[in-house]
């Protein structure tokens, strides 16, 4: 089972061999790139918060908009996106639907919730904890509230090839052929790098940023996966001489190391057995960067992120004094070589937690081609990305990702801004398992006959459309090919369970019959 991992933004691209660099053209900021600054964190370790830095950086900018955190579930929401006849209405923007459209209303209903702004929500508390390690004035802390972006932003500018699996309608929610619900926060990084370049004149002390956003992917149904989740990414840049930067690379490296030496040390054991640069596994960007610069950037990056994960997991331990002695062993951290098309060299950071090595985030030295295309060619730097739910589930011991969307007071009342507390289950309602077996249509196996081949995510989407959050888990339990006809049969087991009440057998039967009907109508299967 794949984890809803920290670093999932990076892995989504790297596993498929694509570039998850970032977005928009020169001097063009799309309507949804709001650069929304966030307010101060109770975890803040700086006298000047990231929110204050961001607010100052956006003063005088038409796209900047201060957003205050709220203590309720409603007063931070934005206008919902609605499906109307032949179009999807997004505020003042209208998107016509076409044969590519596959975004159902139950997914669109999540847009605008902005859970990360409800100050007493576990996602907001987790966000604040992370931002406290990347505070102002050095970092601006931002959010991107509107997830509707162009395919150019989400794919083309990032180097996704035309036949990349991530572009498939089986993996991505399309508003129409040229518009999607973003699949990663990377759909905005290009514009944030541009902004850092502009900041050199209006706010030179802001050298980096964090950004949080909701992202959307057609995915499995289980306790660790949800079609809507949240990512955070961050970057830090340094300026180089505009003329012959490699000639003066020692000076640039010295400036970066000076900043790295200002990062307070820690006493946690870190395993980092591999060299910073490896010709095959983790190559140097030799055309653009010197070894000395790369080593300095890597040092600053690793020290910054080691402190971040130490802060996170120390907070998790402080919030769980009842954990067994085995869980209170000294924290261990290790660096693992990785590959991401938009950074080189690249790494993943793992933490030994409750007996397992857990991936926390992915990171690396930003590829210079990305910075050049973002109008900051005379800069170097690092970037990292993580999945917020993955961190929050560890921090608060939340066992089911669906809970983050719950409005049940029994869930929400357990959390308070600035505090890490262990979630106490308020009830364990019984599960109800229902199987559905069906023959795939011939076209599903051959991709002929005019029907789109069946994909497992189609099954997930149908169950999600019918049952919503009442479906806890969907698993393929049997697969069979007829020995004579070669016709293929699949059997899926659906676990229906509400987080908030006991479901009756009559209710689950009714839902399951609707699932069967939708499978026949939408996927063309024959129920066995």
Protein backbone atom coordinates (compact mmCIF):
# COMPACT_ATOMS: atom_id res chain seq x y z
CA UNK A 1 0.00 0.00 0.00
CA UNK A 2 1.36 3.36 -0.95
CA UNK A 3 1.62 5.86 1.85
CA UNK A 4 0.06 9.24 1.51
CA UNK A 5 3.65 10.22 1.88
CA UNK A 6 5.33 13.40 2.70
CA UNK A 7 7.12 14.26 -0.48
CA UNK A 8 4.24 12.85 -2.54
CA UNK A 9 4.27 15.92 -4.77
CA UNK A 10 7.81 15.07 -5.80
CA UNK A 11 7.25 11.34 -6.10
CA UNK A 12 4.20 11.74 -8.34
CA UNK A 13 6.43 13.17 -11.01
CA UNK A 14 9.62 11.24 -10.39
CA UNK A 15 8.02 7.80 -10.39
CA UNK A 16 6.63 8.49 -13.83
CA UNK A 17 9.85 9.93 -15.21
CA UNK A 18 8.52 13.44 -15.64
CA UNK A 19 9.46 16.90 -14.61
CA UNK A 20 7.55 18.43 -11.73
CA UNK A 21 8.99 21.85 -12.10
CA UNK A 22 6.47 24.64 -12.24
CA UNK A 23 4.21 27.22 -13.97
CA UNK A 24 3.06 30.32 -15.92
CA UNK A 25 4.69 32.51 -18.50
CA UNK A 26 6.78 35.63 -18.33
CA UNK A 27 4.96 38.45 -16.51
CA UNK A 28 1.72 36.44 -16.68
CA UNK A 29 0.07 35.56 -13.41
CA UNK A 30 -3.13 33.57 -13.89
CA UNK A 31 -6.25 34.59 -11.94
CA UNK A 32 -5.81 31.72 -9.50
CA UNK A 33 -2.23 32.65 -8.57
CA UNK A 34 -3.21 34.82 -5.64
CA UNK A 35 -0.01 34.71 -3.59
CA UNK A 36 -2.26 34.70 -0.53
CA UNK A 37 -0.16 35.42 2.58
CA UNK A 38 -0.92 33.55 5.77
CA UNK A 39 -1.00 34.94 9.28
CA UNK A 40 1.33 34.36 12.21
CA UNK A 41 1.79 30.95 13.76
CA UNK A 42 1.62 30.17 17.45
CA UNK A 43 4.61 27.92 16.88
CA UNK A 44 6.56 30.87 15.45
CA UNK A 45 10.18 31.08 16.51
CA UNK A 46 10.75 34.48 14.96
CA UNK A 47 9.85 37.95 16.13
CA UNK A 48 8.72 38.72 12.59
CA UNK A 49 6.38 36.07 11.25
CA UNK A 50 6.22 34.62 7.79
CA UNK A 51 2.71 36.00 7.48
CA UNK A 52 3.92 39.51 8.22
CA UNK A 53 6.71 39.11 5.70
CA UNK A 54 4.31 37.90 3.08
CA UNK A 55 1.83 40.66 3.77
CA UNK A 56 4.53 43.26 3.41
CA UNK A 57 5.80 41.64 0.24
CA UNK A 58 2.38 41.79 -1.32
CA UNK A 59 1.60 45.37 -0.39
CA UNK A 60 0.93 47.34 -3.51
CA UNK A 61 0.31 44.16 -5.51
CA UNK A 62 -3.07 43.66 -7.11
CA UNK A 63 -2.78 39.92 -6.68
CA UNK A 64 -1.97 39.95 -2.98
CA UNK A 65 -4.75 39.32 -0.47
CA UNK A 66 -4.33 39.02 3.28
CA UNK A 67 -6.14 36.01 4.74
CA UNK A 68 -6.81 35.66 8.45
CA UNK A 69 -7.17 32.26 10.03
CA UNK A 70 -10.53 31.42 11.52
CA UNK A 71 -11.78 29.38 14.43
CA UNK A 72 -14.89 28.10 12.64
CA UNK A 73 -15.54 25.70 9.80
CA UNK A 74 -17.34 28.23 7.63
CA UNK A 75 -15.91 31.74 7.72
CA UNK A 76 -12.72 30.87 5.81
CA UNK A 77 -14.48 29.19 2.88
CA UNK A 78 -14.64 30.69 -0.58
CA UNK A 79 -17.50 30.50 -3.06
CA UNK A 80 -18.10 26.93 -4.21
CA UNK A 81 -17.47 25.76 -7.75
CA UNK A 82 -20.69 24.60 -9.38
CA UNK A 83 -21.61 22.45 -12.35
CA UNK A 84 -24.23 24.07 -14.52
CA UNK A 85 -25.62 22.93 -17.84
CA UNK A 86 -22.71 22.61 -20.22
CA UNK A 87 -20.20 24.44 -18.03
CA UNK A 88 -18.42 24.59 -14.67
CA UNK A 89 -18.80 27.93 -12.89
CA UNK A 90 -15.76 29.07 -10.90
CA UNK A 91 -16.61 32.45 -9.44
CA UNK A 92 -16.45 34.89 -12.35
CA UNK A 93 -14.86 32.30 -14.63
CA UNK A 94 -16.77 29.82 -16.75
CA UNK A 95 -15.23 26.60 -18.04
CA UNK A 96 -17.12 24.78 -20.82
CA UNK A 97 -17.28 21.01 -20.43
CA UNK A 98 -16.32 18.60 -23.21
CA UNK A 99 -15.50 14.94 -23.77
CA UNK A 100 -12.50 15.28 -21.42
CA UNK A 101 -14.58 16.41 -18.45
CA UNK A 102 -14.48 13.80 -15.67
CA UNK A 103 -14.74 15.92 -12.51
CA UNK A 104 -17.89 15.00 -10.55
CA UNK A 105 -19.80 17.35 -8.30
CA UNK A 106 -18.74 15.50 -5.14
CA UNK A 107 -15.11 16.38 -5.91
CA UNK A 108 -15.91 19.98 -6.81
CA UNK A 109 -17.69 20.33 -3.46
CA UNK A 110 -14.30 20.18 -1.71
CA UNK A 111 -13.04 23.31 -3.45
CA UNK A 112 -12.97 26.30 -1.16
CA UNK A 113 -13.02 24.39 2.14
CA UNK A 114 -9.48 25.56 2.99
CA UNK A 115 -9.15 23.35 6.04
CA UNK A 116 -5.63 24.68 6.58
CA UNK A 117 -7.05 28.09 7.62
CA UNK A 118 -9.26 26.80 10.44
CA UNK A 119 -6.77 27.51 13.22
CA UNK A 120 -8.00 24.64 15.43
CA UNK A 121 -7.96 22.04 12.65
CA UNK A 122 -5.10 19.48 12.73
CA UNK A 123 -4.05 20.44 9.19
CA UNK A 124 -3.79 24.11 10.16
CA UNK A 125 -1.85 23.23 13.31
CA UNK A 126 0.53 21.11 11.23
CA UNK A 127 0.93 23.91 8.69
CA UNK A 128 1.75 26.37 11.46
CA UNK A 129 4.34 24.00 12.89
CA UNK A 130 6.09 23.72 9.52
CA UNK A 131 5.90 27.45 8.81
CA UNK A 132 7.44 28.21 12.20
CA UNK A 133 10.67 26.71 10.85
CA UNK A 134 10.52 28.87 7.70
CA UNK A 135 9.39 32.20 9.10
CA UNK A 136 9.76 35.79 7.97
CA UNK A 137 11.35 37.95 6.98
CA UNK A 138 13.51 35.33 5.21
CA UNK A 139 10.48 33.29 4.06
CA UNK A 140 7.02 34.33 2.95
CA UNK A 141 4.19 31.93 3.80
CA UNK A 142 1.46 31.66 1.16
CA UNK A 143 -1.55 29.65 0.03
CA UNK A 144 -3.16 29.03 -3.36
CA UNK A 145 -6.92 28.75 -2.80
CA UNK A 146 -8.10 28.03 -6.35
CA UNK A 147 -7.14 24.58 -7.71
CA UNK A 148 -8.41 25.07 -11.28
CA UNK A 149 -5.35 25.47 -13.52
CA UNK A 150 -4.51 25.00 -17.16
CA UNK A 151 -2.92 21.84 -18.50
CA UNK A 152 -0.02 24.07 -19.51
CA UNK A 153 0.54 25.01 -15.86
CA UNK A 154 0.06 21.51 -14.51
CA UNK A 155 1.91 19.59 -17.24
CA UNK A 156 3.39 21.38 -20.25
CA UNK A 157 5.58 23.98 -18.57
CA UNK A 158 6.76 21.30 -16.17
CA UNK A 159 8.09 19.10 -18.95
CA UNK A 160 5.49 16.32 -18.80
CA UNK A 161 5.68 14.44 -22.13
CA UNK A 162 2.48 14.20 -24.15
CA UNK A 163 2.09 10.48 -23.37
CA UNK A 164 2.86 10.77 -19.67
CA UNK A 165 0.52 8.60 -17.50
CA UNK A 166 -0.12 11.56 -15.20
CA UNK A 167 -2.01 13.27 -18.02
CA UNK A 168 -4.45 10.37 -18.28
CA UNK A 169 -8.10 10.87 -17.42
CA UNK A 170 -7.75 7.78 -15.22
CA UNK A 171 -5.38 9.68 -12.93
CA UNK A 172 -6.34 13.35 -13.24
CA UNK A 173 -9.57 15.31 -12.86
CA UNK A 174 -10.21 17.26 -16.06
CA UNK A 175 -12.48 20.28 -16.11
CA UNK A 176 -12.11 20.20 -19.88
CA UNK A 177 -9.39 19.32 -22.38
CA UNK A 178 -7.25 22.35 -21.48
CA UNK A 179 -8.09 22.69 -17.76
CA UNK A 180 -7.60 20.42 -14.74
CA UNK A 181 -7.77 20.36 -10.98
CA UNK A 182 -4.10 20.71 -10.06
CA UNK A 183 -2.40 17.46 -9.16
CA UNK A 184 0.43 19.14 -7.22
CA UNK A 185 1.41 22.49 -5.74
CA UNK A 186 4.16 22.48 -8.36
CA UNK A 187 1.64 24.09 -10.70
CA UNK A 188 2.54 27.42 -9.03
CA UNK A 189 6.28 27.29 -8.36
CA UNK A 190 7.34 29.04 -11.55
CA UNK A 191 5.37 32.14 -10.54
CA UNK A 192 6.75 32.03 -7.01
CA UNK A 193 10.30 32.00 -8.33
CA UNK A 194 9.38 34.98 -10.48
CA UNK A 195 8.08 36.70 -7.39
CA UNK A 196 11.33 36.12 -5.51
CA UNK A 197 13.11 37.82 -8.39
CA UNK A 198 10.82 40.84 -8.12
CA UNK A 199 11.27 40.89 -4.34
CA UNK A 200 14.91 41.86 -4.76
CA UNK A 201 13.69 45.39 -5.39
CA UNK A 202 10.62 45.66 -3.16
CA UNK A 203 11.54 43.27 -0.31
CA UNK A 204 15.11 42.00 -0.64
CA UNK A 205 15.07 40.20 2.73
CA UNK A 206 12.53 37.63 1.46
CA UNK A 207 14.71 34.90 -0.04
CA UNK A 208 12.31 31.97 0.05
CA UNK A 209 8.71 30.89 0.43
CA UNK A 210 6.35 28.17 1.57
CA UNK A 211 3.04 27.52 -0.18
CA UNK A 212 0.14 25.29 0.80
CA UNK A 213 -2.71 24.14 -1.44
CA UNK A 214 -5.33 21.46 -1.91
CA UNK A 215 -4.52 19.03 -4.73
CA UNK A 216 -6.65 16.48 -6.55
CA UNK A 217 -5.99 12.99 -7.92
CA UNK A 218 -8.10 10.02 -8.87
CA UNK A 219 -6.79 7.42 -6.45
CA UNK A 220 -7.46 4.34 -4.37
CA UNK A 221 -10.03 4.22 -1.59
CA UNK A 222 -8.49 3.29 1.73
CA UNK A 223 -7.57 4.88 5.05
CA UNK A 224 -4.43 6.52 3.66
CA UNK A 225 -5.74 7.84 0.34
CA UNK A 226 -8.31 10.47 -0.53
CA UNK A 227 -8.91 12.21 -3.87
CA UNK A 228 -8.37 15.62 -2.26
CA UNK A 229 -5.36 16.24 -0.03
CA UNK A 230 -2.94 19.02 0.81
CA UNK A 231 0.67 19.67 -0.07
CA UNK A 232 3.27 22.12 1.14
CA UNK A 233 6.41 23.01 -0.70
CA UNK A 234 9.15 25.49 -0.06
CA UNK A 235 12.22 26.93 -1.74
CA UNK A 236 15.20 29.11 -0.82
CA UNK A 237 17.31 31.01 -3.37
CA UNK A 238 20.64 32.84 -3.35
CA UNK A 239 21.80 35.42 -5.88
CA UNK A 240 25.01 34.93 -7.86
CA UNK A 241 27.13 37.37 -9.86
CA UNK A 242 25.45 38.00 -13.21
CA UNK A 243 28.72 37.82 -15.12
CA UNK A 244 30.76 34.60 -15.08
CA UNK A 245 28.99 33.08 -12.04
CA UNK A 246 31.10 29.92 -12.12
CA UNK A 247 34.25 32.03 -11.95
CA UNK A 248 33.02 33.43 -8.63
CA UNK A 249 31.40 30.24 -7.38
CA UNK A 250 33.65 30.13 -4.30
CA UNK A 251 32.20 33.46 -3.18
CA UNK A 252 28.65 32.22 -3.70
CA UNK A 253 29.39 29.02 -1.82
CA UNK A 254 30.92 30.98 1.05
CA UNK A 255 27.80 33.16 1.34
CA UNK A 256 25.56 30.08 1.40
CA UNK A 257 27.73 28.36 4.01
CA UNK A 258 27.59 31.49 6.15
CA UNK A 259 23.80 31.18 6.18
CA UNK A 260 24.06 27.44 6.86
CA UNK A 261 26.33 28.07 9.84
CA UNK A 262 23.63 30.30 11.35
CA UNK A 263 21.23 27.34 11.56
CA UNK A 264 21.31 26.09 15.17
CA UNK A 265 22.89 22.64 15.54
CA UNK A 266 21.06 19.57 16.85
CA UNK A 267 22.12 16.35 18.57
CA UNK A 268 20.00 13.86 16.63
CA UNK A 269 21.78 10.98 14.92
CA UNK A 270 21.74 11.42 11.14
CA UNK A 271 22.73 8.71 8.66
CA UNK A 272 24.08 10.19 5.42
CA UNK A 273 26.45 7.60 3.95
CA UNK A 274 26.43 8.75 0.33
CA UNK A 275 28.44 11.57 -1.23
CA UNK A 276 26.53 14.73 -2.10
CA UNK A 277 27.31 14.18 -5.78
CA UNK A 278 27.46 10.89 -7.66
CA UNK A 279 28.11 10.86 -11.43
CA UNK A 280 25.33 8.38 -12.15
CA UNK A 281 22.94 8.32 -9.20
CA UNK A 282 22.97 11.99 -8.16
CA UNK A 283 24.79 14.04 -10.78
CA UNK A 284 26.16 17.54 -10.58
CA UNK A 285 24.63 20.20 -12.81
CA UNK A 286 28.11 20.76 -14.18
CA UNK A 287 27.05 23.21 -16.87
CA UNK A 288 25.59 25.58 -14.30
CA UNK A 289 26.93 24.85 -10.80
CA UNK A 290 30.28 24.14 -9.22
CA UNK A 291 30.90 21.31 -6.78
CA UNK A 292 31.51 23.86 -4.04
CA UNK A 293 28.19 25.63 -4.64
CA UNK A 294 26.31 22.34 -4.75
CA UNK A 295 27.87 21.16 -1.50
CA UNK A 296 26.95 24.44 0.18
CA UNK A 297 23.34 24.37 -1.03
CA UNK A 298 23.01 20.74 0.08
CA UNK A 299 24.42 21.59 3.51
CA UNK A 300 21.93 24.43 4.04
CA UNK A 301 19.06 22.27 2.76
CA UNK A 302 19.85 19.27 4.92
CA UNK A 303 20.42 21.28 8.09
CA UNK A 304 17.13 23.14 7.54
CA UNK A 305 15.11 19.99 6.95
CA UNK A 306 16.73 18.01 9.75
CA UNK A 307 15.60 20.73 12.15
CA UNK A 308 12.12 20.61 10.62
CA UNK A 309 11.62 16.87 11.11
CA UNK A 310 13.14 17.02 14.59
CA UNK A 311 10.63 19.74 15.45
CA UNK A 312 7.75 17.69 14.02
CA UNK A 313 8.58 14.39 15.68
CA UNK A 314 9.57 15.98 18.98
CA UNK A 315 6.15 17.63 19.00
CA UNK A 316 4.56 14.25 18.28
CA UNK A 317 6.32 12.71 21.26
CA UNK A 318 5.45 15.58 23.56
CA UNK A 319 1.82 15.14 22.59
CA UNK A 320 1.90 11.42 23.38
CA UNK A 321 3.55 10.82 26.76
CA UNK A 322 1.68 7.52 27.00
CA UNK A 323 3.69 5.96 24.16
CA UNK A 324 5.58 2.83 25.08
CA UNK A 325 9.23 2.99 26.04
CA UNK A 326 10.23 1.46 22.70
CA UNK A 327 8.75 4.47 20.96
CA UNK A 328 10.86 6.79 23.09
CA UNK A 329 14.17 5.58 21.67
CA UNK A 330 16.42 8.38 20.42
CA UNK A 331 15.17 9.86 17.18
CA UNK A 332 17.04 8.67 14.08
CA UNK A 333 17.08 10.36 10.69
CA UNK A 334 18.61 9.27 7.39
CA UNK A 335 19.14 10.71 3.93
CA UNK A 336 18.42 8.54 0.89
CA UNK A 337 19.44 9.32 -2.66
CA UNK A 338 16.49 10.02 -4.95
CA UNK A 339 15.68 11.11 -8.47
CA UNK A 340 13.43 14.05 -9.32
CA UNK A 341 13.58 15.57 -12.82
CA UNK A 342 13.49 19.13 -11.47
CA UNK A 343 16.28 18.84 -8.88
CA UNK A 344 19.78 17.43 -8.99
CA UNK A 345 21.22 16.15 -6.76
CA UNK A 346 18.07 14.96 -4.96
CA UNK A 347 17.23 13.21 -1.69
CA UNK A 348 14.45 11.85 0.47
CA UNK A 349 14.49 12.30 4.23
CA UNK A 350 13.34 9.38 6.36
CA UNK A 351 12.69 9.12 10.10
CA UNK A 352 12.73 5.96 12.21
CA UNK A 353 9.34 6.09 13.94
CA UNK A 354 7.62 3.35 15.94
CA UNK A 355 9.77 0.62 14.43
CA UNK A 356 9.70 1.70 10.77
CA UNK A 357 11.59 4.02 8.47
CA UNK A 358 9.07 6.55 7.17
CA UNK A 359 9.58 8.81 4.19
CA UNK A 360 8.85 12.37 5.29
CA UNK A 361 9.75 14.55 2.32
CA UNK A 362 11.60 14.85 -0.98
CA UNK A 363 14.03 17.62 -1.86
CA UNK A 364 17.03 18.68 -3.90
CA UNK A 365 19.07 21.40 -5.57
CA UNK A 366 16.77 23.19 -8.02
CA UNK A 367 17.65 22.57 -11.64
CA UNK A 368 19.04 25.70 -13.19
CA UNK A 369 16.88 25.35 -16.31
CA UNK A 370 13.83 25.88 -14.12
CA UNK A 371 15.26 29.03 -12.58
CA UNK A 372 16.26 30.34 -16.00
CA UNK A 373 12.73 29.81 -17.34
CA UNK A 374 11.38 31.53 -14.20
CA UNK A 375 13.32 34.74 -14.97
CA UNK A 376 15.79 34.26 -12.10
CA UNK A 377 18.78 32.93 -14.07
CA UNK A 378 21.32 34.45 -11.68
CA UNK A 379 20.10 32.48 -8.67
CA UNK A 380 20.71 29.05 -7.19
CA UNK A 381 18.76 27.25 -4.50
CA UNK A 382 16.92 24.30 -3.06
CA UNK A 383 13.31 23.10 -2.88
CA UNK A 384 11.35 20.48 -0.95
CA UNK A 385 7.79 19.17 -0.85
CA UNK A 386 5.68 17.14 1.56
CA UNK A 387 2.15 15.83 2.03
CA UNK A 388 0.42 17.55 4.92
CA UNK A 389 -2.03 14.76 5.79
CA UNK A 390 0.80 12.27 6.13
CA UNK A 391 2.51 14.46 8.72
CA UNK A 392 -0.74 15.29 10.54
CA UNK A 393 -1.74 11.62 10.77
CA UNK A 394 1.56 10.90 12.52
CA UNK A 395 1.39 13.97 14.76
CA UNK A 396 -2.16 13.45 16.00
CA UNK A 397 -2.46 9.66 15.60
CA UNK A 398 -5.38 10.07 13.20
CA UNK A 399 -6.09 6.62 11.71
CA UNK A 400 -8.30 7.53 8.75
CA UNK A 401 -7.68 10.29 6.21
CA UNK A 402 -11.44 10.86 5.81
CA UNK A 403 -11.53 12.34 9.31
CA UNK A 404 -9.82 15.53 8.14
CA UNK A 405 -13.01 16.43 6.25
CA UNK A 406 -15.34 15.64 9.14
CA UNK A 407 -17.43 18.41 10.66
CA UNK A 408 -18.40 16.27 13.64
CA UNK A 409 -17.76 18.27 16.86
CA UNK A 410 -16.51 15.08 18.50
CA UNK A 411 -13.57 15.22 16.10
CA UNK A 412 -12.98 18.96 15.81
CA UNK A 413 -13.25 19.69 19.54
CA UNK A 414 -10.18 17.56 20.26
CA UNK A 415 -7.74 20.02 18.66
CA UNK A 416 -6.53 23.45 19.66
CA UNK A 417 -4.23 25.92 17.94
CA UNK A 418 -0.59 25.54 18.91
CA UNK A 419 -1.05 22.17 20.64
CA UNK A 420 -0.29 18.61 19.56
CA UNK A 421 -2.71 16.14 21.11
CA UNK A 422 -3.43 12.48 20.38
CA UNK A 423 -6.75 11.85 18.68
CA UNK A 424 -9.14 9.79 20.81
CA UNK A 425 -11.61 7.76 18.69
CA UNK A 426 -15.12 8.79 19.69
CA UNK A 427 -16.67 5.60 18.33
CA UNK A 428 -15.80 2.55 16.31
CA UNK A 429 -18.74 1.81 14.09
CA UNK A 430 -19.00 -1.65 12.53
CA UNK A 431 -17.88 -2.30 8.98
CA UNK A 432 -20.13 -3.77 6.33
CA UNK A 433 -18.40 -5.66 3.50
CA UNK A 434 -20.05 -6.12 0.12
CA UNK A 435 -18.53 -7.86 -2.91
CA UNK A 436 -19.22 -7.11 -6.53
CA UNK A 437 -17.97 -9.39 -9.33
CA UNK A 438 -18.27 -8.57 -13.00
CA UNK A 439 -17.09 -9.48 -16.48
CA UNK A 440 -15.16 -6.77 -18.26
CA UNK A 441 -16.41 -5.88 -21.73
CA UNK A 442 -14.14 -7.09 -24.56
CA UNK A 443 -13.09 -3.50 -25.30
CA UNK A 444 -11.80 -3.14 -21.75
CA UNK A 445 -9.22 -5.82 -22.43
CA UNK A 446 -8.38 -4.88 -26.01
CA UNK A 447 -8.88 -1.09 -25.95
CA UNK A 448 -10.96 -1.63 -29.11
CA UNK A 449 -14.64 -1.19 -29.79
CA UNK A 450 -14.80 2.50 -28.95
CA UNK A 451 -14.97 2.17 -25.16
CA UNK A 452 -12.27 3.52 -22.87
CA UNK A 453 -10.40 0.57 -21.28
CA UNK A 454 -11.45 -0.17 -17.71
CA UNK A 455 -9.08 1.23 -15.07
CA UNK A 456 -9.15 0.47 -11.36
CA UNK A 457 -9.55 4.18 -10.64
CA UNK A 458 -12.85 4.00 -12.55
CA UNK A 459 -14.08 1.55 -9.93
CA UNK A 460 -12.88 3.87 -7.17
CA UNK A 461 -14.57 6.87 -8.73
CA UNK A 462 -17.91 5.08 -9.13
CA UNK A 463 -17.89 3.93 -5.49
CA UNK A 464 -16.88 7.41 -4.38
CA UNK A 465 -19.63 9.03 -6.45
CA UNK A 466 -22.28 6.74 -4.96
CA UNK A 467 -21.11 6.32 -1.36
CA UNK A 468 -18.90 9.35 -0.75
CA UNK A 469 -17.13 9.13 2.60
CA UNK A 470 -19.24 6.11 3.57
CA UNK A 471 -16.79 3.91 1.66
CA UNK A 472 -13.75 3.23 3.82
CA UNK A 473 -11.90 0.79 1.62
CA UNK A 474 -12.12 -0.86 -1.81
CA UNK A 475 -9.90 -3.84 -2.62
CA UNK A 476 -9.51 -6.16 -5.60
CA UNK A 477 -9.96 -9.61 -4.05
CA UNK A 478 -10.17 -11.86 -7.11
CA UNK A 479 -9.16 -11.81 -10.76
CA UNK A 480 -10.12 -14.53 -13.21
CA UNK A 481 -9.73 -15.19 -16.94
CA UNK A 482 -12.06 -17.69 -18.60
CA UNK A 483 -9.88 -20.55 -19.96
CA UNK A 484 -11.82 -20.80 -23.23
CA UNK A 485 -13.02 -17.31 -24.06
CA UNK A 486 -10.24 -15.38 -22.33
CA UNK A 487 -12.86 -13.04 -20.94
CA UNK A 488 -11.70 -11.36 -17.75
CA UNK A 489 -13.59 -11.15 -14.47
CA UNK A 490 -12.82 -8.97 -11.47
CA UNK A 491 -14.19 -9.04 -7.94
CA UNK A 492 -13.94 -6.03 -5.65
CA UNK A 493 -14.76 -5.89 -1.95
CA UNK A 494 -16.20 -2.61 -0.69
CA UNK A 495 -16.03 -1.81 3.02
CA UNK A 496 -18.84 0.56 3.95
CA UNK A 497 -18.32 2.30 7.28
CA UNK A 498 -19.37 5.70 8.52
CA UNK A 499 -17.04 7.66 10.75
CA UNK A 500 -19.95 9.12 12.68
CA UNK A 501 -22.78 6.56 12.91
CA UNK A 502 -23.74 2.92 12.49
CA UNK A 503 -24.97 2.08 9.01
CA UNK A 504 -27.83 -0.36 8.57
CA UNK A 505 -27.60 -3.36 6.29
CA UNK A 506 -30.54 -1.99 4.32
CA UNK A 507 -28.66 1.25 3.72
CA UNK A 508 -25.48 -0.48 2.56
CA UNK A 509 -27.46 -2.81 0.31
CA UNK A 510 -29.07 0.19 -1.32
CA UNK A 511 -25.71 1.86 -1.88
CA UNK A 512 -24.18 -1.33 -3.23
CA UNK A 513 -26.99 -1.84 -5.72
CA UNK A 514 -26.39 1.69 -6.98
CA UNK A 515 -22.69 0.88 -7.36
CA UNK A 516 -23.57 -2.14 -9.49
CA UNK A 517 -25.94 -0.09 -11.62
CA UNK A 518 -23.34 2.62 -12.19
CA UNK A 519 -20.73 0.02 -13.09
CA UNK A 520 -23.00 -1.39 -15.76
CA UNK A 521 -23.98 2.00 -17.16
CA UNK A 522 -20.64 3.78 -17.00
CA UNK A 523 -18.11 0.97 -17.42
CA UNK A 524 -20.16 -1.40 -19.55
CA UNK A 525 -19.48 -4.40 -17.31
CA UNK A 526 -21.69 -7.45 -16.87
CA UNK A 527 -22.46 -8.21 -13.22
CA UNK A 528 -21.88 -11.86 -12.30
